[in-house]
């Protein structure tokens, strides 16, 4: 992290690492995904009137939650936590703040396991697209990524995996339950009708 020592804002450092070190083959888990999650978190901050100190930590977790992809594909959340907390340690954040950010990042591992409100916000922001109109185009990016990394044997597997995931997934905040879950149900119904 020494190369970024002159920067004062942790989010800026995390974004710079993402822009320089992410593989171009991460068609879904790219910097665009991180920006999307960050923007959704900023919306939640206003919607729920989250305090500035808590909002700051949520934003750090949002920008750092997938930074582990710069070094590994599988179980990247653990490395995302390590990289983000290492930066926070260098900038003098308290153990309590680091613990909360680490907890938020690890909660995004599938299946999601949020244990506090901020973790619920980050988890819902991370999968916000499941209940949006750009679900199909974003899903296409994920399919291409999984084909590249041999997570899928062939493209035909993808819809079945999506159906299973949508059936098991639950949103955690009342906003997402009210405004994202209905659209997510439409996507599930469409996929299931296609599979028949």
N, C-alpha and C. Protein backbone atom coordinates (compact mmCIF):
# COMPACT_ATOMS: atom_id res chain seq x y z
N UNK A 1 0.81 -1.21 0.00
CA UNK A 1 0.00 0.00 0.00
C UNK A 1 0.85 1.28 0.00
N UNK A 2 2.18 1.13 0.10
CA UNK A 2 3.05 2.30 0.18
C UNK A 2 2.87 3.21 -1.04
N UNK A 3 2.62 2.62 -2.21
CA UNK A 3 2.51 3.44 -3.43
C UNK A 3 1.34 4.42 -3.37
N UNK A 4 0.39 4.19 -2.45
CA UNK A 4 -0.76 5.08 -2.34
C UNK A 4 -0.71 5.95 -1.08
N UNK A 5 0.46 6.00 -0.44
CA UNK A 5 0.56 6.68 0.85
C UNK A 5 0.24 8.17 0.78
N UNK A 6 0.44 8.79 -0.39
CA UNK A 6 0.20 10.23 -0.49
C UNK A 6 -1.30 10.55 -0.51
N UNK A 7 -2.13 9.57 -0.79
CA UNK A 7 -3.57 9.82 -0.84
C UNK A 7 -4.14 9.84 0.56
N UNK A 8 -5.12 10.69 0.75
CA UNK A 8 -5.67 10.86 2.10
C UNK A 8 -7.00 10.16 2.30
N UNK A 9 -7.68 9.82 1.22
CA UNK A 9 -9.00 9.22 1.35
C UNK A 9 -8.95 7.74 1.01
N UNK A 10 -9.37 6.90 1.93
CA UNK A 10 -9.30 5.45 1.74
C UNK A 10 -10.13 5.01 0.53
N UNK A 11 -11.29 5.61 0.33
CA UNK A 11 -12.12 5.21 -0.81
C UNK A 11 -11.39 5.48 -2.12
N UNK A 12 -10.68 6.59 -2.20
CA UNK A 12 -9.91 6.91 -3.40
C UNK A 12 -8.82 5.88 -3.64
N UNK A 13 -8.16 5.46 -2.58
CA UNK A 13 -7.11 4.44 -2.69
C UNK A 13 -7.71 3.12 -3.18
N UNK A 14 -8.83 2.73 -2.58
CA UNK A 14 -9.47 1.47 -2.97
C UNK A 14 -9.89 1.51 -4.44
N UNK A 15 -10.47 2.62 -4.87
CA UNK A 15 -10.86 2.75 -6.28
C UNK A 15 -9.63 2.69 -7.19
N UNK A 16 -8.53 3.28 -6.77
CA UNK A 16 -7.31 3.27 -7.60
C UNK A 16 -6.78 1.84 -7.73
N UNK A 17 -6.79 1.08 -6.64
CA UNK A 17 -6.36 -0.32 -6.70
C UNK A 17 -7.26 -1.10 -7.65
N UNK A 18 -8.57 -0.90 -7.53
CA UNK A 18 -9.51 -1.59 -8.41
C UNK A 18 -9.27 -1.25 -9.87
N UNK A 19 -9.06 0.03 -10.16
CA UNK A 19 -8.89 0.45 -11.55
C UNK A 19 -7.58 -0.07 -12.15
N UNK A 20 -6.58 -0.29 -11.32
CA UNK A 20 -5.27 -0.72 -11.82
C UNK A 20 -5.10 -2.23 -11.82
N UNK A 21 -5.73 -2.93 -10.88
CA UNK A 21 -5.37 -4.33 -10.64
C UNK A 21 -6.46 -5.36 -10.97
N UNK A 22 -7.68 -4.94 -11.27
CA UNK A 22 -8.72 -5.92 -11.61
C UNK A 22 -8.49 -6.46 -13.02
N UNK A 23 -8.71 -7.75 -13.18
CA UNK A 23 -8.61 -8.37 -14.49
C UNK A 23 -9.69 -7.84 -15.43
N UNK A 24 -9.34 -7.69 -16.69
CA UNK A 24 -10.31 -7.26 -17.70
C UNK A 24 -11.34 -8.35 -17.98
N UNK A 25 -11.08 -9.55 -17.49
CA UNK A 25 -12.01 -10.68 -17.70
C UNK A 25 -13.10 -10.73 -16.62
N UNK A 26 -13.06 -9.80 -15.69
CA UNK A 26 -14.13 -9.70 -14.69
C UNK A 26 -15.24 -8.83 -15.29
N UNK A 27 -16.09 -9.48 -16.07
CA UNK A 27 -17.12 -8.74 -16.80
C UNK A 27 -18.23 -8.24 -15.88
N UNK A 28 -18.42 -8.93 -14.75
CA UNK A 28 -19.42 -8.52 -13.76
C UNK A 28 -18.76 -7.87 -12.54
N UNK A 29 -17.80 -8.55 -11.96
CA UNK A 29 -17.14 -8.03 -10.75
C UNK A 29 -16.06 -7.02 -11.13
N UNK A 30 -16.45 -6.02 -11.88
CA UNK A 30 -15.51 -4.99 -12.32
C UNK A 30 -15.74 -3.71 -11.50
N UNK A 31 -15.02 -2.67 -11.86
CA UNK A 31 -15.15 -1.42 -11.10
C UNK A 31 -16.55 -0.83 -11.25
N UNK A 32 -17.22 -1.12 -12.37
CA UNK A 32 -18.59 -0.65 -12.55
C UNK A 32 -19.54 -1.22 -11.51
N UNK A 33 -19.32 -2.49 -11.14
CA UNK A 33 -20.15 -3.10 -10.09
C UNK A 33 -19.91 -2.40 -8.76
N UNK A 34 -18.64 -2.14 -8.45
CA UNK A 34 -18.33 -1.45 -7.19
C UNK A 34 -18.96 -0.06 -7.15
N UNK A 35 -18.86 0.67 -8.25
CA UNK A 35 -19.48 2.00 -8.31
C UNK A 35 -20.99 1.88 -8.10
N UNK A 36 -21.61 0.89 -8.72
CA UNK A 36 -23.05 0.69 -8.57
C UNK A 36 -23.41 0.44 -7.11
N UNK A 37 -22.70 -0.47 -6.47
CA UNK A 37 -22.97 -0.79 -5.06
C UNK A 37 -22.77 0.44 -4.19
N UNK A 38 -21.72 1.19 -4.46
CA UNK A 38 -21.43 2.42 -3.70
C UNK A 38 -22.56 3.43 -3.86
N UNK A 39 -23.03 3.61 -5.09
CA UNK A 39 -24.11 4.57 -5.34
C UNK A 39 -25.41 4.14 -4.65
N UNK A 40 -25.70 2.86 -4.68
CA UNK A 40 -26.91 2.37 -3.99
C UNK A 40 -26.78 2.59 -2.49
N UNK A 41 -25.59 2.36 -1.95
CA UNK A 41 -25.37 2.61 -0.52
C UNK A 41 -25.58 4.09 -0.20
N UNK A 42 -25.12 4.98 -1.07
CA UNK A 42 -25.31 6.41 -0.83
C UNK A 42 -26.80 6.77 -0.85
N UNK A 43 -27.56 6.09 -1.70
CA UNK A 43 -29.01 6.28 -1.69
C UNK A 43 -29.60 5.85 -0.35
N UNK A 44 -29.19 4.68 0.12
CA UNK A 44 -29.68 4.17 1.41
C UNK A 44 -29.29 5.12 2.56
N UNK A 45 -28.12 5.69 2.48
CA UNK A 45 -27.66 6.62 3.52
C UNK A 45 -28.65 7.77 3.65
N UNK A 46 -29.08 8.31 2.52
CA UNK A 46 -30.07 9.40 2.55
C UNK A 46 -31.45 8.89 2.96
N UNK A 47 -31.83 7.77 2.41
CA UNK A 47 -33.17 7.23 2.67
C UNK A 47 -33.38 6.94 4.16
N UNK A 48 -32.37 6.36 4.78
CA UNK A 48 -32.47 5.99 6.19
C UNK A 48 -31.84 7.02 7.13
N UNK A 49 -31.35 8.13 6.57
CA UNK A 49 -30.72 9.18 7.38
C UNK A 49 -29.64 8.59 8.30
N UNK A 50 -28.75 7.81 7.69
CA UNK A 50 -27.66 7.19 8.44
C UNK A 50 -26.66 8.27 8.84
N UNK A 51 -26.18 8.21 10.06
CA UNK A 51 -25.29 9.24 10.58
C UNK A 51 -24.01 9.32 9.74
N UNK A 52 -23.39 10.50 9.67
CA UNK A 52 -22.17 10.66 8.86
C UNK A 52 -21.06 9.66 9.22
N UNK A 53 -20.86 9.40 10.50
CA UNK A 53 -19.78 8.49 10.90
C UNK A 53 -20.07 7.07 10.43
N UNK A 54 -21.31 6.62 10.57
CA UNK A 54 -21.70 5.28 10.12
C UNK A 54 -21.71 5.23 8.59
N UNK A 55 -22.17 6.31 7.96
CA UNK A 55 -22.22 6.37 6.50
C UNK A 55 -20.81 6.23 5.92
N UNK A 56 -19.84 6.88 6.55
CA UNK A 56 -18.46 6.81 6.09
C UNK A 56 -17.96 5.37 6.10
N UNK A 57 -18.25 4.64 7.17
CA UNK A 57 -17.81 3.25 7.27
C UNK A 57 -18.53 2.37 6.25
N UNK A 58 -19.80 2.63 6.04
CA UNK A 58 -20.57 1.89 5.04
C UNK A 58 -19.97 2.10 3.65
N UNK A 59 -19.59 3.33 3.34
CA UNK A 59 -19.00 3.63 2.03
C UNK A 59 -17.65 2.94 1.86
N UNK A 60 -16.85 2.90 2.91
CA UNK A 60 -15.57 2.18 2.84
C UNK A 60 -15.83 0.71 2.54
N UNK A 61 -16.79 0.11 3.25
CA UNK A 61 -17.11 -1.30 3.03
C UNK A 61 -17.63 -1.53 1.62
N UNK A 62 -18.44 -0.61 1.11
CA UNK A 62 -18.99 -0.75 -0.24
C UNK A 62 -17.88 -0.74 -1.29
N UNK A 63 -16.93 0.18 -1.15
CA UNK A 63 -15.86 0.28 -2.14
C UNK A 63 -14.86 -0.88 -1.98
N UNK A 64 -14.70 -1.37 -0.77
CA UNK A 64 -13.72 -2.44 -0.53
C UNK A 64 -14.28 -3.86 -0.61
N UNK A 65 -15.59 -4.00 -0.75
CA UNK A 65 -16.17 -5.34 -0.55
C UNK A 65 -15.73 -6.38 -1.57
N UNK A 66 -15.31 -5.96 -2.76
CA UNK A 66 -14.86 -6.90 -3.79
C UNK A 66 -13.41 -6.71 -4.19
N UNK A 67 -12.65 -5.97 -3.41
CA UNK A 67 -11.27 -5.67 -3.81
C UNK A 67 -10.39 -6.92 -3.79
N UNK A 68 -10.82 -7.95 -3.09
CA UNK A 68 -10.09 -9.22 -3.09
C UNK A 68 -9.99 -9.86 -4.46
N UNK A 69 -10.91 -9.47 -5.37
CA UNK A 69 -10.84 -9.98 -6.74
C UNK A 69 -9.57 -9.55 -7.46
N UNK A 70 -8.86 -8.57 -6.93
CA UNK A 70 -7.60 -8.18 -7.55
C UNK A 70 -6.54 -9.27 -7.39
N UNK A 71 -6.78 -10.21 -6.45
CA UNK A 71 -5.78 -11.26 -6.20
C UNK A 71 -6.34 -12.68 -6.28
N UNK A 72 -7.63 -12.86 -6.08
CA UNK A 72 -8.19 -14.21 -6.10
C UNK A 72 -9.65 -14.15 -6.53
N UNK A 73 -10.14 -15.25 -7.10
CA UNK A 73 -11.55 -15.28 -7.50
C UNK A 73 -12.40 -15.91 -6.41
N UNK A 74 -11.95 -17.04 -5.89
CA UNK A 74 -12.75 -17.77 -4.91
C UNK A 74 -12.46 -17.26 -3.49
N UNK A 75 -13.53 -17.17 -2.70
CA UNK A 75 -13.42 -16.70 -1.31
C UNK A 75 -12.72 -15.33 -1.24
N UNK A 76 -13.06 -14.48 -2.18
CA UNK A 76 -12.41 -13.17 -2.24
C UNK A 76 -12.78 -12.28 -1.07
N UNK A 77 -13.91 -12.57 -0.40
CA UNK A 77 -14.37 -11.69 0.68
C UNK A 77 -13.36 -11.59 1.83
N UNK A 78 -12.71 -12.72 2.15
CA UNK A 78 -11.72 -12.71 3.23
C UNK A 78 -10.57 -11.77 2.89
N UNK A 79 -10.10 -11.86 1.64
CA UNK A 79 -9.01 -10.98 1.21
C UNK A 79 -9.48 -9.53 1.09
N UNK A 80 -10.72 -9.34 0.65
CA UNK A 80 -11.29 -7.98 0.58
C UNK A 80 -11.26 -7.34 1.97
N UNK A 81 -11.64 -8.11 2.95
CA UNK A 81 -11.63 -7.63 4.34
C UNK A 81 -10.20 -7.29 4.76
N UNK A 82 -9.25 -8.17 4.48
CA UNK A 82 -7.87 -7.96 4.90
C UNK A 82 -7.28 -6.69 4.28
N UNK A 83 -7.48 -6.52 2.98
CA UNK A 83 -6.93 -5.36 2.29
C UNK A 83 -7.53 -4.06 2.83
N UNK A 84 -8.85 -4.07 3.00
CA UNK A 84 -9.54 -2.86 3.47
C UNK A 84 -9.15 -2.53 4.90
N UNK A 85 -9.09 -3.55 5.77
CA UNK A 85 -8.74 -3.29 7.17
C UNK A 85 -7.27 -2.88 7.32
N UNK A 86 -6.42 -3.41 6.45
CA UNK A 86 -5.01 -2.99 6.48
C UNK A 86 -4.89 -1.50 6.19
N UNK A 87 -5.64 -1.04 5.20
CA UNK A 87 -5.65 0.39 4.90
C UNK A 87 -6.20 1.20 6.07
N UNK A 88 -7.30 0.73 6.63
CA UNK A 88 -7.90 1.44 7.77
C UNK A 88 -6.93 1.52 8.93
N UNK A 89 -6.18 0.45 9.14
CA UNK A 89 -5.20 0.42 10.23
C UNK A 89 -4.12 1.47 9.99
N UNK A 90 -3.67 1.60 8.75
CA UNK A 90 -2.64 2.59 8.43
C UNK A 90 -3.13 4.02 8.66
N UNK A 91 -4.43 4.21 8.55
CA UNK A 91 -4.99 5.55 8.72
C UNK A 91 -5.60 5.77 10.10
N UNK A 92 -5.31 4.86 11.02
CA UNK A 92 -5.64 5.10 12.42
C UNK A 92 -7.08 4.89 12.83
N UNK A 93 -7.82 4.10 12.07
CA UNK A 93 -9.20 3.81 12.46
C UNK A 93 -9.22 2.92 13.71
N UNK A 94 -10.25 3.07 14.51
CA UNK A 94 -10.37 2.31 15.75
C UNK A 94 -10.66 0.84 15.46
N UNK A 95 -10.40 0.00 16.45
CA UNK A 95 -10.70 -1.43 16.31
C UNK A 95 -12.20 -1.64 16.09
N UNK A 96 -13.01 -0.83 16.77
CA UNK A 96 -14.46 -0.94 16.61
C UNK A 96 -14.89 -0.65 15.17
N UNK A 97 -14.32 0.41 14.59
CA UNK A 97 -14.65 0.76 13.21
C UNK A 97 -14.19 -0.33 12.25
N UNK A 98 -12.98 -0.85 12.46
CA UNK A 98 -12.47 -1.90 11.58
C UNK A 98 -13.31 -3.17 11.70
N UNK A 99 -13.72 -3.47 12.92
CA UNK A 99 -14.55 -4.67 13.12
C UNK A 99 -15.87 -4.55 12.36
N UNK A 100 -16.46 -3.37 12.41
CA UNK A 100 -17.75 -3.16 11.74
C UNK A 100 -17.59 -3.26 10.22
N UNK A 101 -16.56 -2.64 9.67
CA UNK A 101 -16.33 -2.71 8.23
C UNK A 101 -16.05 -4.15 7.80
N UNK A 102 -15.24 -4.84 8.57
CA UNK A 102 -14.95 -6.24 8.27
C UNK A 102 -16.19 -7.11 8.31
N UNK A 103 -17.02 -6.85 9.28
CA UNK A 103 -18.29 -7.58 9.41
C UNK A 103 -19.18 -7.34 8.20
N UNK A 104 -19.25 -6.10 7.74
CA UNK A 104 -20.07 -5.77 6.56
C UNK A 104 -19.55 -6.51 5.33
N UNK A 105 -18.25 -6.48 5.11
CA UNK A 105 -17.67 -7.11 3.92
C UNK A 105 -17.93 -8.62 3.93
N UNK A 106 -17.67 -9.27 5.05
CA UNK A 106 -17.86 -10.72 5.12
C UNK A 106 -19.32 -11.11 4.97
N UNK A 107 -20.23 -10.22 5.35
CA UNK A 107 -21.67 -10.53 5.25
C UNK A 107 -22.12 -10.68 3.80
N UNK A 108 -21.35 -10.13 2.84
CA UNK A 108 -21.75 -10.20 1.44
C UNK A 108 -21.45 -11.55 0.80
N UNK A 109 -20.71 -12.40 1.50
CA UNK A 109 -20.43 -13.75 0.96
C UNK A 109 -21.73 -14.50 0.80
N UNK A 110 -21.90 -15.17 -0.34
CA UNK A 110 -23.11 -15.92 -0.62
C UNK A 110 -23.04 -17.28 0.06
N UNK A 111 -24.07 -17.71 0.81
CA UNK A 111 -25.31 -16.95 1.10
C UNK A 111 -25.03 -15.82 2.08
N UNK A 112 -25.63 -14.67 1.81
CA UNK A 112 -25.40 -13.49 2.64
C UNK A 112 -25.82 -13.75 4.10
N UNK A 113 -25.07 -13.11 5.01
CA UNK A 113 -25.36 -13.32 6.43
C UNK A 113 -25.22 -12.03 7.23
N UNK A 114 -26.04 -11.02 6.92
CA UNK A 114 -25.92 -9.75 7.66
C UNK A 114 -26.44 -9.87 9.08
N UNK A 115 -25.68 -9.32 10.03
CA UNK A 115 -26.08 -9.41 11.44
C UNK A 115 -26.34 -8.04 12.06
N UNK A 116 -26.18 -6.97 11.27
CA UNK A 116 -26.49 -5.64 11.76
C UNK A 116 -27.10 -4.85 10.61
N UNK A 117 -27.66 -3.70 10.91
CA UNK A 117 -28.37 -2.93 9.89
C UNK A 117 -27.46 -2.52 8.73
N UNK A 118 -26.26 -2.02 9.03
CA UNK A 118 -25.37 -1.60 7.97
C UNK A 118 -24.98 -2.76 7.06
N UNK A 119 -24.81 -3.95 7.64
CA UNK A 119 -24.53 -5.14 6.83
C UNK A 119 -25.70 -5.46 5.92
N UNK A 120 -26.91 -5.29 6.43
CA UNK A 120 -28.11 -5.52 5.61
C UNK A 120 -28.15 -4.56 4.43
N UNK A 121 -27.80 -3.31 4.69
CA UNK A 121 -27.77 -2.30 3.62
C UNK A 121 -26.75 -2.70 2.55
N UNK A 122 -25.54 -3.06 2.96
CA UNK A 122 -24.51 -3.42 1.99
C UNK A 122 -24.92 -4.66 1.21
N UNK A 123 -25.47 -5.65 1.87
CA UNK A 123 -25.91 -6.87 1.18
C UNK A 123 -26.98 -6.56 0.15
N UNK A 124 -27.94 -5.73 0.52
CA UNK A 124 -29.01 -5.38 -0.44
C UNK A 124 -28.47 -4.54 -1.59
N UNK A 125 -27.52 -3.66 -1.30
CA UNK A 125 -26.90 -2.86 -2.37
C UNK A 125 -26.11 -3.75 -3.32
N UNK A 126 -25.43 -4.75 -2.78
CA UNK A 126 -24.61 -5.65 -3.58
C UNK A 126 -25.45 -6.42 -4.60
N UNK A 127 -26.68 -6.77 -4.23
CA UNK A 127 -27.55 -7.52 -5.13
C UNK A 127 -28.79 -6.72 -5.52
N UNK A 128 -28.65 -5.41 -5.51
CA UNK A 128 -29.75 -4.53 -5.87
C UNK A 128 -30.30 -4.84 -7.26
N UNK A 129 -29.40 -5.19 -8.19
CA UNK A 129 -29.80 -5.40 -9.58
C UNK A 129 -30.80 -6.54 -9.76
N UNK A 130 -30.86 -7.47 -8.80
CA UNK A 130 -31.81 -8.59 -8.91
C UNK A 130 -33.24 -8.09 -9.01
N UNK A 131 -33.50 -6.91 -8.47
CA UNK A 131 -34.84 -6.35 -8.50
C UNK A 131 -34.95 -5.11 -9.36
N UNK A 132 -34.09 -5.02 -10.37
CA UNK A 132 -34.10 -3.85 -11.25
C UNK A 132 -34.34 -4.28 -12.70
N UNK A 133 -34.58 -3.29 -13.54
CA UNK A 133 -34.85 -3.56 -14.95
C UNK A 133 -33.61 -3.95 -15.73
N UNK A 134 -32.42 -3.65 -15.18
CA UNK A 134 -31.19 -4.05 -15.87
C UNK A 134 -30.71 -5.43 -15.46
N UNK A 135 -31.58 -6.21 -14.84
CA UNK A 135 -31.25 -7.56 -14.39
C UNK A 135 -30.71 -8.42 -15.54
N UNK A 136 -31.34 -8.37 -16.69
CA UNK A 136 -30.94 -9.24 -17.80
C UNK A 136 -29.55 -8.88 -18.31
N UNK A 137 -29.30 -7.59 -18.52
CA UNK A 137 -28.00 -7.18 -19.06
C UNK A 137 -26.87 -7.45 -18.06
N UNK A 138 -27.14 -7.22 -16.78
CA UNK A 138 -26.11 -7.49 -15.77
C UNK A 138 -25.90 -8.99 -15.63
N UNK A 139 -26.99 -9.75 -15.71
CA UNK A 139 -26.87 -11.20 -15.66
C UNK A 139 -26.03 -11.74 -16.81
N UNK A 140 -26.12 -11.11 -17.97
CA UNK A 140 -25.31 -11.52 -19.12
C UNK A 140 -23.83 -11.33 -18.83
N UNK A 141 -23.49 -10.24 -18.14
CA UNK A 141 -22.10 -10.00 -17.76
C UNK A 141 -21.60 -11.09 -16.82
N UNK A 142 -22.45 -11.47 -15.86
CA UNK A 142 -22.08 -12.52 -14.91
C UNK A 142 -21.90 -13.85 -15.64
N UNK A 143 -22.78 -14.15 -16.58
CA UNK A 143 -22.67 -15.40 -17.35
C UNK A 143 -21.34 -15.45 -18.11
N UNK A 144 -20.98 -14.35 -18.76
CA UNK A 144 -19.72 -14.31 -19.50
C UNK A 144 -18.52 -14.50 -18.57
N UNK A 145 -18.60 -13.89 -17.39
CA UNK A 145 -17.52 -14.04 -16.42
C UNK A 145 -17.40 -15.48 -15.95
N UNK A 146 -18.52 -16.09 -15.64
CA UNK A 146 -18.50 -17.48 -15.17
C UNK A 146 -18.03 -18.44 -16.25
N UNK A 147 -18.36 -18.18 -17.50
CA UNK A 147 -17.85 -19.01 -18.59
C UNK A 147 -16.34 -18.88 -18.70
N UNK A 148 -15.84 -17.65 -18.56
CA UNK A 148 -14.40 -17.43 -18.65
C UNK A 148 -13.66 -18.16 -17.53
N UNK A 149 -14.21 -18.15 -16.32
CA UNK A 149 -13.54 -18.75 -15.17
C UNK A 149 -13.96 -20.21 -14.95
N UNK A 150 -14.63 -20.79 -15.94
CA UNK A 150 -15.04 -22.21 -15.91
C UNK A 150 -15.93 -22.57 -14.73
N UNK A 151 -16.69 -21.59 -14.26
CA UNK A 151 -17.69 -21.87 -13.23
C UNK A 151 -18.91 -22.52 -13.88
N UNK A 152 -19.14 -22.16 -15.14
CA UNK A 152 -20.17 -22.82 -15.95
C UNK A 152 -19.50 -23.71 -16.98
N UNK A 153 -20.08 -24.92 -17.19
CA UNK A 153 -19.58 -25.78 -18.26
C UNK A 153 -20.04 -25.25 -19.61
N UNK A 154 -21.26 -24.73 -19.64
CA UNK A 154 -21.78 -24.12 -20.86
C UNK A 154 -22.84 -23.09 -20.49
N UNK A 155 -23.17 -22.22 -21.44
CA UNK A 155 -24.10 -21.12 -21.18
C UNK A 155 -25.48 -21.59 -20.78
N UNK A 156 -25.86 -22.80 -21.23
CA UNK A 156 -27.21 -23.32 -20.95
C UNK A 156 -27.46 -23.54 -19.46
N UNK A 157 -26.41 -23.69 -18.70
CA UNK A 157 -26.56 -23.90 -17.24
C UNK A 157 -27.04 -22.65 -16.51
N UNK A 158 -26.78 -21.51 -17.10
CA UNK A 158 -26.91 -20.26 -16.35
C UNK A 158 -28.32 -19.98 -15.85
N UNK A 159 -29.34 -20.16 -16.70
CA UNK A 159 -30.70 -19.85 -16.28
C UNK A 159 -31.14 -20.69 -15.09
N UNK A 160 -30.76 -21.96 -15.09
CA UNK A 160 -31.11 -22.83 -13.97
C UNK A 160 -30.47 -22.37 -12.67
N UNK A 161 -29.23 -21.93 -12.75
CA UNK A 161 -28.54 -21.41 -11.56
C UNK A 161 -29.21 -20.13 -11.09
N UNK A 162 -29.58 -19.28 -12.05
CA UNK A 162 -30.26 -18.03 -11.68
C UNK A 162 -31.60 -18.33 -10.98
N UNK A 163 -32.34 -19.27 -11.50
CA UNK A 163 -33.63 -19.62 -10.88
C UNK A 163 -33.42 -20.06 -9.44
N UNK A 164 -32.46 -20.96 -9.22
CA UNK A 164 -32.18 -21.43 -7.87
C UNK A 164 -31.75 -20.32 -6.94
N UNK A 165 -30.94 -19.40 -7.47
CA UNK A 165 -30.46 -18.29 -6.65
C UNK A 165 -31.58 -17.34 -6.28
N UNK A 166 -32.41 -16.98 -7.27
CA UNK A 166 -33.52 -16.06 -7.01
C UNK A 166 -34.52 -16.66 -6.03
N UNK A 167 -34.72 -17.97 -6.10
CA UNK A 167 -35.65 -18.63 -5.18
C UNK A 167 -35.15 -18.57 -3.74
N UNK A 168 -33.84 -18.67 -3.56
CA UNK A 168 -33.27 -18.70 -2.20
C UNK A 168 -32.98 -17.31 -1.64
N UNK A 169 -32.76 -16.35 -2.53
CA UNK A 169 -32.34 -15.02 -2.08
C UNK A 169 -33.47 -14.26 -1.40
N UNK A 170 -33.09 -13.53 -0.35
CA UNK A 170 -34.04 -12.63 0.33
C UNK A 170 -33.37 -11.28 0.52
N UNK A 171 -34.14 -10.23 0.30
CA UNK A 171 -33.66 -8.90 0.66
C UNK A 171 -33.81 -8.71 2.17
N UNK A 172 -33.09 -7.75 2.72
CA UNK A 172 -33.01 -7.60 4.17
C UNK A 172 -33.59 -6.30 4.70
N UNK A 173 -33.53 -5.24 3.91
CA UNK A 173 -34.06 -3.94 4.36
C UNK A 173 -35.50 -3.79 3.91
N UNK A 174 -36.26 -2.98 4.64
CA UNK A 174 -37.66 -2.80 4.25
C UNK A 174 -37.79 -2.11 2.89
N UNK A 175 -36.81 -1.24 2.56
CA UNK A 175 -36.85 -0.58 1.24
C UNK A 175 -36.75 -1.62 0.12
N UNK A 176 -35.75 -2.48 0.21
CA UNK A 176 -35.55 -3.47 -0.85
C UNK A 176 -36.70 -4.46 -0.91
N UNK A 177 -37.22 -4.82 0.24
CA UNK A 177 -38.36 -5.74 0.27
C UNK A 177 -39.56 -5.12 -0.44
N UNK A 178 -39.74 -3.83 -0.24
CA UNK A 178 -40.90 -3.16 -0.84
C UNK A 178 -40.69 -2.81 -2.32
N UNK A 179 -39.47 -2.36 -2.66
CA UNK A 179 -39.26 -1.81 -4.00
C UNK A 179 -38.41 -2.68 -4.93
N UNK A 180 -37.73 -3.69 -4.41
CA UNK A 180 -36.91 -4.55 -5.26
C UNK A 180 -37.48 -5.98 -5.36
N UNK A 181 -38.06 -6.46 -4.28
CA UNK A 181 -38.56 -7.84 -4.31
C UNK A 181 -39.63 -8.08 -5.38
N UNK A 182 -40.59 -7.16 -5.61
CA UNK A 182 -41.61 -7.43 -6.65
C UNK A 182 -41.00 -7.60 -8.04
N UNK A 183 -40.03 -6.77 -8.40
CA UNK A 183 -39.40 -6.89 -9.72
C UNK A 183 -38.57 -8.18 -9.79
N UNK A 184 -37.93 -8.53 -8.68
CA UNK A 184 -37.16 -9.77 -8.64
C UNK A 184 -38.08 -10.96 -8.90
N UNK A 185 -39.28 -10.92 -8.34
CA UNK A 185 -40.26 -12.00 -8.55
C UNK A 185 -40.64 -12.09 -10.03
N UNK A 186 -40.75 -10.96 -10.71
CA UNK A 186 -41.06 -10.97 -12.15
C UNK A 186 -39.94 -11.64 -12.94
N UNK A 187 -38.70 -11.35 -12.58
CA UNK A 187 -37.57 -11.98 -13.26
C UNK A 187 -37.59 -13.50 -13.04
N UNK A 188 -37.89 -13.90 -11.81
CA UNK A 188 -37.95 -15.33 -11.50
C UNK A 188 -39.06 -16.00 -12.31
N UNK A 189 -40.24 -15.39 -12.35
CA UNK A 189 -41.36 -15.95 -13.10
C UNK A 189 -41.02 -16.08 -14.58
N UNK A 190 -40.34 -15.07 -15.13
CA UNK A 190 -39.97 -15.12 -16.54
C UNK A 190 -39.00 -16.25 -16.82
N UNK A 191 -38.01 -16.40 -15.95
CA UNK A 191 -37.03 -17.48 -16.14
C UNK A 191 -37.67 -18.86 -16.02
N UNK A 192 -38.59 -18.98 -15.07
CA UNK A 192 -39.25 -20.27 -14.86
C UNK A 192 -40.16 -20.61 -16.04
N UNK A 193 -40.83 -19.62 -16.61
CA UNK A 193 -41.69 -19.88 -17.77
C UNK A 193 -40.86 -20.27 -18.99
N UNK A 194 -39.64 -19.71 -19.06
CA UNK A 194 -38.72 -20.05 -20.14
C UNK A 194 -38.22 -21.49 -20.02
N UNK A 195 -38.07 -21.93 -18.76
CA UNK A 195 -37.49 -23.26 -18.49
C UNK A 195 -38.49 -24.39 -18.74
N UNK A 196 -39.78 -24.06 -18.77
CA UNK A 196 -40.81 -25.11 -18.93
C UNK A 196 -40.77 -25.68 -20.33
